[in-house]
Amino acid sequence: MSVELNAAQLGLDVGTGGVVGAVTGFAAKKLTKLVAVLVGVQLALFKYLESQQLLVVDWDRLTAGLLDVGDVAASGAPPSWVTSLLSTASVSGGFAAGFLVGFKAG
């Protein structure tokens, strides 16, 4: 199996993946913060309404879904996504690095 490397195309792939990853990481962090604030406000609202006896919240049932973890089956063969990931390693690597930079900067 012979593989030809075109340095210009490889650089373009890594650079493009890095820029897209940085923008995606930045947006993901901002969206994550917004969702965390909304969930916190919702839980605080639930607690307030419960203290005013306007709402009854079954807290045990609410948290039970978060603690339930399913079984994961292990197999000896690598999954098909590994092959796909390896075939797009230059773009994926650039994207991953850019995503981390953007997420950290956000």
PDB file of N, CA and C in Angstrom:
ATOM      1  N   MET A   1       0.842  -1.169   0.000  1.00  0.00           N
ATOM      2  CA  MET A   1       0.000   0.000   0.000  1.00  0.00           C
ATOM      3  C   MET A   1       0.889   1.233   0.000  1.00  0.00           C
ATOM      4  N   SER A   2       0.838   1.999  -1.062  1.00  0.00           N
ATOM      5  CA  SER A   2       1.653   3.193  -1.209  1.00  0.00           C
ATOM      6  C   SER A   2       0.790   4.424  -0.968  1.00  0.00           C
ATOM      7  N   VAL A   3       1.300   5.313  -0.146  1.00  0.00           N
ATOM      8  CA  VAL A   3       0.563   6.531   0.174  1.00  0.00           C
ATOM      9  C   VAL A   3       1.431   7.727  -0.208  1.00  0.00           C
ATOM     10  N   GLU A   4       0.875   8.598  -1.046  1.00  0.00           N
ATOM     11  CA  GLU A   4       1.584   9.823  -1.408  1.00  0.00           C
ATOM     12  C   GLU A   4       1.090  10.945  -0.518  1.00  0.00           C
ATOM     13  N   LEU A   5       2.044  11.697   0.018  1.00  0.00           N
ATOM     14  CA  LEU A   5       1.696  12.818   0.875  1.00  0.00           C
ATOM     15  C   LEU A   5       1.909  14.120   0.125  1.00  0.00           C
ATOM     16  N   ASN A   6       0.873  14.908   0.046  1.00  0.00           N
ATOM     17  CA  ASN A   6       0.958  16.234  -0.536  1.00  0.00           C
ATOM     18  C   ASN A   6       0.988  17.208   0.638  1.00  0.00           C
ATOM     19  N   ALA A   7       2.113  17.830   0.871  1.00  0.00           N
ATOM     20  CA  ALA A   7       2.292  18.681   2.050  1.00  0.00           C
ATOM     21  C   ALA A   7       1.319  19.851   2.049  1.00  0.00           C
ATOM     22  N   ALA A   8       1.075  20.448   0.889  1.00  0.00           N
ATOM     23  CA  ALA A   8       0.164  21.590   0.826  1.00  0.00           C
ATOM     24  C   ALA A   8      -1.258  21.171   1.191  1.00  0.00           C
ATOM     25  N   GLN A   9      -1.699  20.044   0.651  1.00  0.00           N
ATOM     26  CA  GLN A   9      -3.051  19.568   0.944  1.00  0.00           C
ATOM     27  C   GLN A   9      -3.168  19.140   2.405  1.00  0.00           C
ATOM     28  N   LEU A  10      -2.136  18.502   2.936  1.00  0.00           N
ATOM     29  CA  LEU A  10      -2.137  18.091   4.330  1.00  0.00           C
ATOM     30  C   LEU A  10      -2.221  19.313   5.247  1.00  0.00           C
ATOM     31  N   GLY A  11      -1.436  20.350   4.933  1.00  0.00           N
ATOM     32  CA  GLY A  11      -1.478  21.582   5.723  1.00  0.00           C
ATOM     33  C   GLY A  11      -2.834  22.260   5.651  1.00  0.00           C
ATOM     34  N   LEU A  12      -3.430  22.252   4.456  1.00  0.00           N
ATOM     35  CA  LEU A  12      -4.755  22.842   4.282  1.00  0.00           C
ATOM     36  C   LEU A  12      -5.801  22.066   5.083  1.00  0.00           C
ATOM     37  N   ASP A  13      -5.717  20.742   5.051  1.00  0.00           N
ATOM     38  CA  ASP A  13      -6.660  19.915   5.804  1.00  0.00           C
ATOM     39  C   ASP A  13      -6.539  20.153   7.305  1.00  0.00           C
ATOM     40  N   VAL A  14      -5.316  20.161   7.814  1.00  0.00           N
ATOM     41  CA  VAL A  14      -5.091  20.369   9.248  1.00  0.00           C
ATOM     42  C   VAL A  14      -5.507  21.783   9.654  1.00  0.00           C
ATOM     43  N   GLY A  15      -5.163  22.773   8.837  1.00  0.00           N
ATOM     44  CA  GLY A  15      -5.524  24.161   9.147  1.00  0.00           C
ATOM     45  C   GLY A  15      -7.024  24.383   9.136  1.00  0.00           C
ATOM     46  N   THR A  16      -7.687  23.846   8.121  1.00  0.00           N
ATOM     47  CA  THR A  16      -9.138  23.982   8.040  1.00  0.00           C
ATOM     48  C   THR A  16      -9.814  23.272   9.204  1.00  0.00           C
ATOM     49  N   GLY A  17      -9.363  22.070   9.494  1.00  0.00           N
ATOM     50  CA  GLY A  17      -9.919  21.338  10.632  1.00  0.00           C
ATOM     51  C   GLY A  17      -9.693  22.083  11.941  1.00  0.00           C
ATOM     52  N   GLY A  18      -8.537  22.710  12.069  1.00  0.00           N
ATOM     53  CA  GLY A  18      -8.232  23.463  13.280  1.00  0.00           C
ATOM     54  C   GLY A  18      -9.121  24.676  13.453  1.00  0.00           C
ATOM     55  N   VAL A  19      -9.356  25.419  12.379  1.00  0.00           N
ATOM     56  CA  VAL A  19     -10.210  26.605  12.454  1.00  0.00           C
ATOM     57  C   VAL A  19     -11.653  26.214  12.759  1.00  0.00           C
ATOM     58  N   VAL A  20     -12.166  25.221  12.045  1.00  0.00           N
ATOM     59  CA  VAL A  20     -13.533  24.766  12.293  1.00  0.00           C
ATOM     60  C   VAL A  20     -13.659  24.212  13.709  1.00  0.00           C
ATOM     61  N   GLY A  21     -12.656  23.482  14.173  1.00  0.00           N
ATOM     62  CA  GLY A  21     -12.674  22.943  15.527  1.00  0.00           C
ATOM     63  C   GLY A  21     -12.647  24.029  16.584  1.00  0.00           C
ATOM     64  N   ALA A  22     -11.858  25.079  16.362  1.00  0.00           N
ATOM     65  CA  ALA A  22     -11.773  26.179  17.320  1.00  0.00           C
ATOM     66  C   ALA A  22     -13.114  26.897  17.440  1.00  0.00           C
ATOM     67  N   VAL A  23     -13.739  27.163  16.308  1.00  0.00           N
ATOM     68  CA  VAL A  23     -15.036  27.835  16.329  1.00  0.00           C
ATOM     69  C   VAL A  23     -16.086  26.947  17.002  1.00  0.00           C
ATOM     70  N   THR A  24     -16.072  25.663  16.684  1.00  0.00           N
ATOM     71  CA  THR A  24     -17.023  24.730  17.284  1.00  0.00           C
ATOM     72  C   THR A  24     -16.795  24.595  18.786  1.00  0.00           C
ATOM     73  N   GLY A  25     -15.540  24.507  19.206  1.00  0.00           N
ATOM     74  CA  GLY A  25     -15.233  24.402  20.628  1.00  0.00           C
ATOM     75  C   GLY A  25     -15.652  25.635  21.400  1.00  0.00           C
ATOM     76  N   PHE A  26     -15.407  26.812  20.824  1.00  0.00           N
ATOM     77  CA  PHE A  26     -15.799  28.066  21.453  1.00  0.00           C
ATOM     78  C   PHE A  26     -17.316  28.118  21.626  1.00  0.00           C
ATOM     79  N   ALA A  27     -18.042  27.762  20.562  1.00  0.00           N
ATOM     80  CA  ALA A  27     -19.509  27.781  20.616  1.00  0.00           C
ATOM     81  C   ALA A  27     -20.033  26.723  21.586  1.00  0.00           C
ATOM     82  N   ALA A  28     -19.394  25.556  21.616  1.00  0.00           N
ATOM     83  CA  ALA A  28     -19.834  24.488  22.514  1.00  0.00           C
ATOM     84  C   ALA A  28     -19.691  24.900  23.975  1.00  0.00           C
ATOM     85  N   LYS A  29     -18.611  25.585  24.294  1.00  0.00           N
ATOM     86  CA  LYS A  29     -18.420  26.005  25.680  1.00  0.00           C
ATOM     87  C   LYS A  29     -19.459  27.049  26.073  1.00  0.00           C
ATOM     88  N   LYS A  30     -19.740  27.985  25.172  1.00  0.00           N
ATOM     89  CA  LYS A  30     -20.749  29.002  25.468  1.00  0.00           C
ATOM     90  C   LYS A  30     -22.120  28.348  25.635  1.00  0.00           C
ATOM     91  N   LEU A  31     -22.449  27.401  24.758  1.00  0.00           N
ATOM     92  CA  LEU A  31     -23.727  26.709  24.838  1.00  0.00           C
ATOM     93  C   LEU A  31     -23.815  25.871  26.118  1.00  0.00           C
ATOM     94  N   THR A  32     -22.707  25.236  26.498  1.00  0.00           N
ATOM     95  CA  THR A  32     -22.673  24.441  27.724  1.00  0.00           C
ATOM     96  C   THR A  32     -22.928  25.309  28.947  1.00  0.00           C
ATOM     97  N   LYS A  33     -22.330  26.489  28.973  1.00  0.00           N
ATOM     98  CA  LYS A  33     -22.552  27.403  30.096  1.00  0.00           C
ATOM     99  C   LYS A  33     -24.012  27.836  30.156  1.00  0.00           C
ATOM    100  N   LEU A  34     -24.604  28.133  28.991  1.00  0.00           N
ATOM    101  CA  LEU A  34     -26.000  28.545  28.951  1.00  0.00           C
ATOM    102  C   LEU A  34     -26.915  27.436  29.448  1.00  0.00           C
ATOM    103  N   VAL A  35     -26.677  26.208  29.009  1.00  0.00           N
ATOM    104  CA  VAL A  35     -27.495  25.073  29.445  1.00  0.00           C
ATOM    105  C   VAL A  35     -27.336  24.854  30.948  1.00  0.00           C
ATOM    106  N   ALA A  36     -26.124  24.988  31.467  1.00  0.00           N
ATOM    107  CA  ALA A  36     -25.896  24.811  32.909  1.00  0.00           C
ATOM    108  C   ALA A  36     -26.664  25.858  33.715  1.00  0.00           C
ATOM    109  N   VAL A  37     -26.670  27.089  33.237  1.00  0.00           N
ATOM    110  CA  VAL A  37     -27.412  28.153  33.932  1.00  0.00           C
ATOM    111  C   VAL A  37     -28.911  27.862  33.889  1.00  0.00           C
ATOM    112  N   LEU A  38     -29.410  27.451  32.725  1.00  0.00           N
ATOM    113  CA  LEU A  38     -30.839  27.156  32.602  1.00  0.00           C
ATOM    114  C   LEU A  38     -31.262  25.990  33.500  1.00  0.00           C
ATOM    115  N   VAL A  39     -30.453  24.949  33.572  1.00  0.00           N
ATOM    116  CA  VAL A  39     -30.768  23.805  34.440  1.00  0.00           C
ATOM    117  C   VAL A  39     -30.717  24.236  35.905  1.00  0.00           C
ATOM    118  N   GLY A  40     -29.741  25.039  36.267  1.00  0.00           N
ATOM    119  CA  GLY A  40     -29.647  25.525  37.642  1.00  0.00           C
ATOM    120  C   GLY A  40     -30.836  26.386  38.033  1.00  0.00           C
ATOM    121  N   VAL A  41     -31.258  27.270  37.126  1.00  0.00           N
ATOM    122  CA  VAL A  41     -32.424  28.111  37.395  1.00  0.00           C
ATOM    123  C   VAL A  41     -33.681  27.250  37.522  1.00  0.00           C
ATOM    124  N   GLN A  42     -33.805  26.250  36.654  1.00  0.00           N
ATOM    125  CA  GLN A  42     -34.969  25.371  36.714  1.00  0.00           C
ATOM    126  C   GLN A  42     -35.019  24.612  38.043  1.00  0.00           C
ATOM    127  N   LEU A  43     -33.889  24.067  38.476  1.00  0.00           N
ATOM    128  CA  LEU A  43     -33.870  23.341  39.749  1.00  0.00           C
ATOM    129  C   LEU A  43     -34.143  24.267  40.929  1.00  0.00           C
ATOM    130  N   ALA A  44     -33.610  25.495  40.865  1.00  0.00           N
ATOM    131  CA  ALA A  44     -33.890  26.460  41.928  1.00  0.00           C
ATOM    132  C   ALA A  44     -35.367  26.831  41.944  1.00  0.00           C
ATOM    133  N   LEU A  45     -35.957  26.972  40.747  1.00  0.00           N
ATOM    134  CA  LEU A  45     -37.381  27.272  40.662  1.00  0.00           C
ATOM    135  C   LEU A  45     -38.213  26.121  41.229  1.00  0.00           C
ATOM    136  N   PHE A  46     -37.832  24.881  40.907  1.00  0.00           N
ATOM    137  CA  PHE A  46     -38.522  23.722  41.465  1.00  0.00           C
ATOM    138  C   PHE A  46     -38.464  23.747  42.990  1.00  0.00           C
ATOM    139  N   LYS A  47     -37.278  24.017  43.533  1.00  0.00           N
ATOM    140  CA  LYS A  47     -37.104  24.022  44.989  1.00  0.00           C
ATOM    141  C   LYS A  47     -37.937  25.143  45.619  1.00  0.00           C
ATOM    142  N   TYR A  48     -37.974  26.318  44.986  1.00  0.00           N
ATOM    143  CA  TYR A  48     -38.761  27.428  45.512  1.00  0.00           C
ATOM    144  C   TYR A  48     -40.252  27.089  45.485  1.00  0.00           C
ATOM    145  N   LEU A  49     -40.730  26.567  44.351  1.00  0.00           N
ATOM    146  CA  LEU A  49     -42.149  26.214  44.250  1.00  0.00           C
ATOM    147  C   LEU A  49     -42.522  25.105  45.226  1.00  0.00           C
ATOM    148  N   GLU A  50     -41.574  24.209  45.482  1.00  0.00           N
ATOM    149  CA  GLU A  50     -41.812  23.159  46.459  1.00  0.00           C
ATOM    150  C   GLU A  50     -41.889  23.747  47.872  1.00  0.00           C
ATOM    151  N   SER A  51     -41.040  24.721  48.176  1.00  0.00           N
ATOM    152  CA  SER A  51     -41.068  25.340  49.504  1.00  0.00           C
ATOM    153  C   SER A  51     -42.346  26.154  49.720  1.00  0.00           C
ATOM    154  N   GLN A  52     -42.935  26.657  48.646  1.00  0.00           N
ATOM    155  CA  GLN A  52     -44.206  27.386  48.729  1.00  0.00           C
ATOM    156  C   GLN A  52     -45.409  26.440  48.677  1.00  0.00           C
ATOM    157  N   GLN A  53     -45.135  25.142  48.617  1.00  0.00           N
ATOM    158  CA  GLN A  53     -46.145  24.086  48.549  1.00  0.00           C
ATOM    159  C   GLN A  53     -47.059  24.229  47.335  1.00  0.00           C
ATOM    160  N   LEU A  54     -46.474  24.695  46.227  1.00  0.00           N
ATOM    161  CA  LEU A  54     -47.195  24.787  44.967  1.00  0.00           C
ATOM    162  C   LEU A  54     -46.860  23.626  44.041  1.00  0.00           C
ATOM    163  N   LEU A  55     -45.790  22.918  44.369  1.00  0.00           N
ATOM    164  CA  LEU A  55     -45.293  21.844  43.524  1.00  0.00           C
ATOM    165  C   LEU A  55     -44.709  20.757  44.411  1.00  0.00           C
ATOM    166  N   VAL A  56     -44.900  19.513  44.021  1.00  0.00           N
ATOM    167  CA  VAL A  56     -44.300  18.391  44.732  1.00  0.00           C
ATOM    168  C   VAL A  56     -43.305  17.732  43.779  1.00  0.00           C
ATOM    169  N   VAL A  57     -42.044  17.672  44.190  1.00  0.00           N
ATOM    170  CA  VAL A  57     -40.989  17.099  43.361  1.00  0.00           C
ATOM    171  C   VAL A  57     -40.485  15.826  44.029  1.00  0.00           C
ATOM    172  N   ASP A  58     -40.476  14.738  43.282  1.00  0.00           N
ATOM    173  CA  ASP A  58     -39.933  13.475  43.769  1.00  0.00           C
ATOM    174  C   ASP A  58     -38.430  13.474  43.438  1.00  0.00           C
ATOM    175  N   TRP A  59     -37.610  13.997  44.358  1.00  0.00           N
ATOM    176  CA  TRP A  59     -36.184  14.182  44.093  1.00  0.00           C
ATOM    177  C   TRP A  59     -35.468  12.857  43.900  1.00  0.00           C
ATOM    178  N   ASP A  60     -35.875  11.810  44.604  1.00  0.00           N
ATOM    179  CA  ASP A  60     -35.244  10.497  44.430  1.00  0.00           C
ATOM    180  C   ASP A  60     -35.471   9.976  43.009  1.00  0.00           C
ATOM    181  N   ARG A  61     -36.680  10.114  42.532  1.00  0.00           N
ATOM    182  CA  ARG A  61     -36.982   9.648  41.174  1.00  0.00           C
ATOM    183  C   ARG A  61     -36.282  10.516  40.131  1.00  0.00           C
ATOM    184  N   LEU A  62     -36.165  11.802  40.402  1.00  0.00           N
ATOM    185  CA  LEU A  62     -35.515  12.721  39.476  1.00  0.00           C
ATOM    186  C   LEU A  62     -34.032  12.402  39.309  1.00  0.00           C
ATOM    187  N   THR A  63     -33.358  12.040  40.383  1.00  0.00           N
ATOM    188  CA  THR A  63     -31.924  11.755  40.304  1.00  0.00           C
ATOM    189  C   THR A  63     -31.608  10.306  39.957  1.00  0.00           C
ATOM    190  N   ALA A  64     -32.581   9.407  40.051  1.00  0.00           N
ATOM    191  CA  ALA A  64     -32.322   7.992  39.767  1.00  0.00           C
ATOM    192  C   ALA A  64     -31.913   7.781  38.320  1.00  0.00           C
ATOM    193  N   GLY A  65     -32.465   8.528  37.390  1.00  0.00           N
ATOM    194  CA  GLY A  65     -32.098   8.384  35.988  1.00  0.00           C
ATOM    195  C   GLY A  65     -30.667   8.787  35.713  1.00  0.00           C
ATOM    196  N   LEU A  66     -30.137   9.704  36.500  1.00  0.00           N
ATOM    197  CA  LEU A  66     -28.755  10.150  36.301  1.00  0.00           C
ATOM    198  C   LEU A  66     -27.750   9.127  36.815  1.00  0.00           C
ATOM    199  N   LEU A  67     -28.136   8.331  37.765  1.00  0.00           N
ATOM    200  CA  LEU A  67     -27.216   7.372  38.363  1.00  0.00           C
ATOM    201  C   LEU A  67     -27.275   6.003  37.713  1.00  0.00           C
ATOM    202  N   ASP A  68     -28.271   5.753  36.848  1.00  0.00           N
ATOM    203  CA  ASP A  68     -28.423   4.459  36.195  1.00  0.00           C
ATOM    204  C   ASP A  68     -27.491   4.381  34.997  1.00  0.00           C
ATOM    205  N   VAL A  69     -26.568   3.428  35.031  1.00  0.00           N
ATOM    206  CA  VAL A  69     -25.595   3.266  33.957  1.00  0.00           C
ATOM    207  C   VAL A  69     -25.803   1.900  33.333  1.00  0.00           C
ATOM    208  N   GLY A  70     -25.931   1.856  32.006  1.00  0.00           N
ATOM    209  CA  GLY A  70     -26.140   0.588  31.312  1.00  0.00           C
ATOM    210  C   GLY A  70     -24.846  -0.167  31.131  1.00  0.00           C
ATOM    211  N   ASP A  71     -24.977  -1.458  30.813  1.00  0.00           N
ATOM    212  CA  ASP A  71     -23.810  -2.293  30.567  1.00  0.00           C
ATOM    213  C   ASP A  71     -23.291  -2.052  29.161  1.00  0.00           C
ATOM    214  N   VAL A  72     -21.983  -2.046  29.029  1.00  0.00           N
ATOM    215  CA  VAL A  72     -21.346  -1.871  27.725  1.00  0.00           C
ATOM    216  C   VAL A  72     -20.658  -3.178  27.379  1.00  0.00           C
ATOM    217  N   ALA A  73     -21.022  -3.726  26.249  1.00  0.00           N
ATOM    218  CA  ALA A  73     -20.421  -4.997  25.828  1.00  0.00           C
ATOM    219  C   ALA A  73     -19.087  -4.735  25.157  1.00  0.00           C
ATOM    220  N   ALA A  74     -18.097  -5.551  25.468  1.00  0.00           N
ATOM    221  CA  ALA A  74     -16.772  -5.419  24.870  1.00  0.00           C
ATOM    222  C   ALA A  74     -16.574  -6.534  23.859  1.00  0.00           C
ATOM    223  N   SER A  75     -15.978  -6.185  22.736  1.00  0.00           N
ATOM    224  CA  SER A  75     -15.680  -7.202  21.729  1.00  0.00           C
ATOM    225  C   SER A  75     -14.222  -7.050  21.316  1.00  0.00           C
ATOM    226  N   GLY A  76     -13.669  -8.103  20.748  1.00  0.00           N
ATOM    227  CA  GLY A  76     -12.268  -8.089  20.363  1.00  0.00           C
ATOM    228  C   GLY A  76     -11.997  -7.300  19.089  1.00  0.00           C
ATOM    229  N   ALA A  77     -12.963  -7.190  18.190  1.00  0.00           N
ATOM    230  CA  ALA A  77     -12.752  -6.506  16.918  1.00  0.00           C
ATOM    231  C   ALA A  77     -12.922  -5.000  17.087  1.00  0.00           C
ATOM    232  N   PRO A  78     -12.079  -4.215  16.424  1.00  0.00           N
ATOM    233  CA  PRO A  78     -12.242  -2.764  16.518  1.00  0.00           C
ATOM    234  C   PRO A  78     -13.507  -2.333  15.778  1.00  0.00           C
ATOM    235  N   PRO A  79     -14.188  -1.328  16.306  1.00  0.00           N
ATOM    236  CA  PRO A  79     -15.404  -0.872  15.638  1.00  0.00           C
ATOM    237  C   PRO A  79     -15.094  -0.206  14.297  1.00  0.00           C
ATOM    238  N   SER A  80     -16.110  -0.105  13.459  1.00  0.00           N
ATOM    239  CA  SER A  80     -15.900   0.455  12.124  1.00  0.00           C
ATOM    240  C   SER A  80     -15.530   1.929  12.168  1.00  0.00           C
ATOM    241  N   TRP A  81     -15.916   2.626  13.236  1.00  0.00           N
ATOM    242  CA  TRP A  81     -15.599   4.051  13.308  1.00  0.00           C
ATOM    243  C   TRP A  81     -14.101   4.289  13.454  1.00  0.00           C
ATOM    244  N   VAL A  82     -13.374   3.304  13.959  1.00  0.00           N
ATOM    245  CA  VAL A  82     -11.923   3.448  14.089  1.00  0.00           C
ATOM    246  C   VAL A  82     -11.291   3.557  12.704  1.00  0.00           C
ATOM    247  N   THR A  83     -11.750   2.719  11.784  1.00  0.00           N
ATOM    248  CA  THR A  83     -11.244   2.766  10.420  1.00  0.00           C
ATOM    249  C   THR A  83     -11.569   4.098   9.768  1.00  0.00           C
ATOM    250  N   SER A  84     -12.781   4.589   9.976  1.00  0.00           N
ATOM    251  CA  SER A  84     -13.178   5.885   9.419  1.00  0.00           C
ATOM    252  C   SER A  84     -12.343   7.015  10.007  1.00  0.00           C
ATOM    253  N   LEU A  85     -12.092   6.942  11.314  1.00  0.00           N
ATOM    254  CA  LEU A  85     -11.301   7.975  11.976  1.00  0.00           C
ATOM    255  C   LEU A  85      -9.874   8.004  11.449  1.00  0.00           C
ATOM    256  N   LEU A  86      -9.297   6.825  11.246  1.00  0.00           N
ATOM    257  CA  LEU A  86      -7.930   6.767  10.746  1.00  0.00           C
ATOM    258  C   LEU A  86      -7.823   7.286   9.322  1.00  0.00           C
ATOM    259  N   SER A  87      -8.869   7.104   8.526  1.00  0.00           N
ATOM    260  CA  SER A  87      -8.804   7.559   7.144  1.00  0.00           C
ATOM    261  C   SER A  87      -8.923   9.078   7.037  1.00  0.00           C
ATOM    262  N   THR A  88      -9.458   9.725   8.055  1.00  0.00           N
ATOM    263  CA  THR A  88      -9.580  11.188   8.047  1.00  0.00           C
ATOM    264  C   THR A  88      -8.774  11.810   9.175  1.00  0.00           C
ATOM    265  N   ALA A  89      -7.625  11.246   9.467  1.00  0.00           N
ATOM    266  CA  ALA A  89      -6.829  11.664  10.629  1.00  0.00           C
ATOM    267  C   ALA A  89      -6.348  13.109  10.542  1.00  0.00           C
ATOM    268  N   SER A  90      -6.000  13.585   9.356  1.00  0.00           N
ATOM    269  CA  SER A  90      -5.466  14.950   9.273  1.00  0.00           C
ATOM    270  C   SER A  90      -6.526  15.986   9.628  1.00  0.00           C
ATOM    271  N   VAL A  91      -7.725  15.850   9.087  1.00  0.00           N
ATOM    272  CA  VAL A  91      -8.792  16.797   9.398  1.00  0.00           C
ATOM    273  C   VAL A  91      -9.260  16.598  10.835  1.00  0.00           C
ATOM    274  N   SER A  92      -9.379  15.343  11.251  1.00  0.00           N
ATOM    275  CA  SER A  92      -9.842  15.054  12.609  1.00  0.00           C
ATOM    276  C   SER A  92      -8.866  15.577  13.655  1.00  0.00           C
ATOM    277  N   GLY A  93      -7.583  15.398  13.411  1.00  0.00           N
ATOM    278  CA  GLY A  93      -6.581  15.876  14.364  1.00  0.00           C
ATOM    279  C   GLY A  93      -6.590  17.386  14.477  1.00  0.00           C
ATOM    280  N   GLY A  94      -6.672  18.052  13.335  1.00  0.00           N
ATOM    281  CA  GLY A  94      -6.753  19.517  13.352  1.00  0.00           C
ATOM    282  C   GLY A  94      -8.015  19.993  14.038  1.00  0.00           C
ATOM    283  N   PHE A  95      -9.123  19.323  13.759  1.00  0.00           N
ATOM    284  CA  PHE A  95     -10.392  19.693  14.378  1.00  0.00           C
ATOM    285  C   PHE A  95     -10.326  19.518  15.887  1.00  0.00           C
ATOM    286  N   ALA A  96      -9.788  18.389  16.345  1.00  0.00           N
ATOM    287  CA  ALA A  96      -9.711  18.111  17.773  1.00  0.00           C
ATOM    288  C   ALA A  96      -8.841  19.149  18.488  1.00  0.00           C
ATOM    289  N   ALA A  97      -7.696  19.447  17.893  1.00  0.00           N
ATOM    290  CA  ALA A  97      -6.811  20.450  18.510  1.00  0.00           C
ATOM    291  C   ALA A  97      -7.477  21.820  18.532  1.00  0.00           C
ATOM    292  N   GLY A  98      -8.095  22.199  17.433  1.00  0.00           N
ATOM    293  CA  GLY A  98      -8.791  23.485  17.375  1.00  0.00           C
ATOM    294  C   GLY A  98      -9.958  23.547  18.326  1.00  0.00           C
ATOM    295  N   PHE A  99     -10.699  22.432  18.453  1.00  0.00           N
ATOM    296  CA  PHE A  99     -11.831  22.386  19.374  1.00  0.00           C
ATOM    297  C   PHE A  99     -11.354  22.627  20.794  1.00  0.00           C
ATOM    298  N   LEU A 100     -10.270  21.983  21.187  1.00  0.00           N
ATOM    299  CA  LEU A 100      -9.752  22.175  22.547  1.00  0.00           C
ATOM    300  C   LEU A 100      -9.304  23.611  22.787  1.00  0.00           C
ATOM    301  N   VAL A 101      -8.651  24.197  21.777  1.00  0.00           N
ATOM    302  CA  VAL A 101      -8.207  25.591  21.916  1.00  0.00           C
ATOM    303  C   VAL A 101      -9.424  26.513  22.034  1.00  0.00           C
ATOM    304  N   GLY A 102     -10.414  26.322  21.166  1.00  0.00           N
ATOM    305  CA  GLY A 102     -11.608  27.151  21.212  1.00  0.00           C
ATOM    306  C   GLY A 102     -12.401  26.962  22.489  1.00  0.00           C
ATOM    307  N   PHE A 103     -12.495  25.727  22.965  1.00  0.00           N
ATOM    308  CA  PHE A 103     -13.231  25.441  24.193  1.00  0.00           C
ATOM    309  C   PHE A 103     -12.528  26.081  25.377  1.00  0.00           C
ATOM    310  N   LYS A 104     -11.204  26.020  25.390  1.00  0.00           N
ATOM    311  CA  LYS A 104     -10.432  26.609  26.481  1.00  0.00           C
ATOM    312  C   LYS A 104     -10.543  28.137  26.461  1.00  0.00           C
ATOM    313  N   ALA A 105     -10.535  28.721  25.243  1.00  0.00           N
ATOM    314  CA  ALA A 105     -10.606  30.183  25.110  1.00  0.00           C
ATOM    315  C   ALA A 105     -11.987  30.718  25.443  1.00  0.00           C
ATOM    316  N   GLY A 106     -13.020  29.900  25.254  1.00  0.00           N
ATOM    317  CA  GLY A 106     -14.406  30.351  25.479  1.00  0.00           C
ATOM    318  C   GLY A 106     -14.670  30.508  26.923  1.00  0.00           C
TER     319      GLY A 106
END
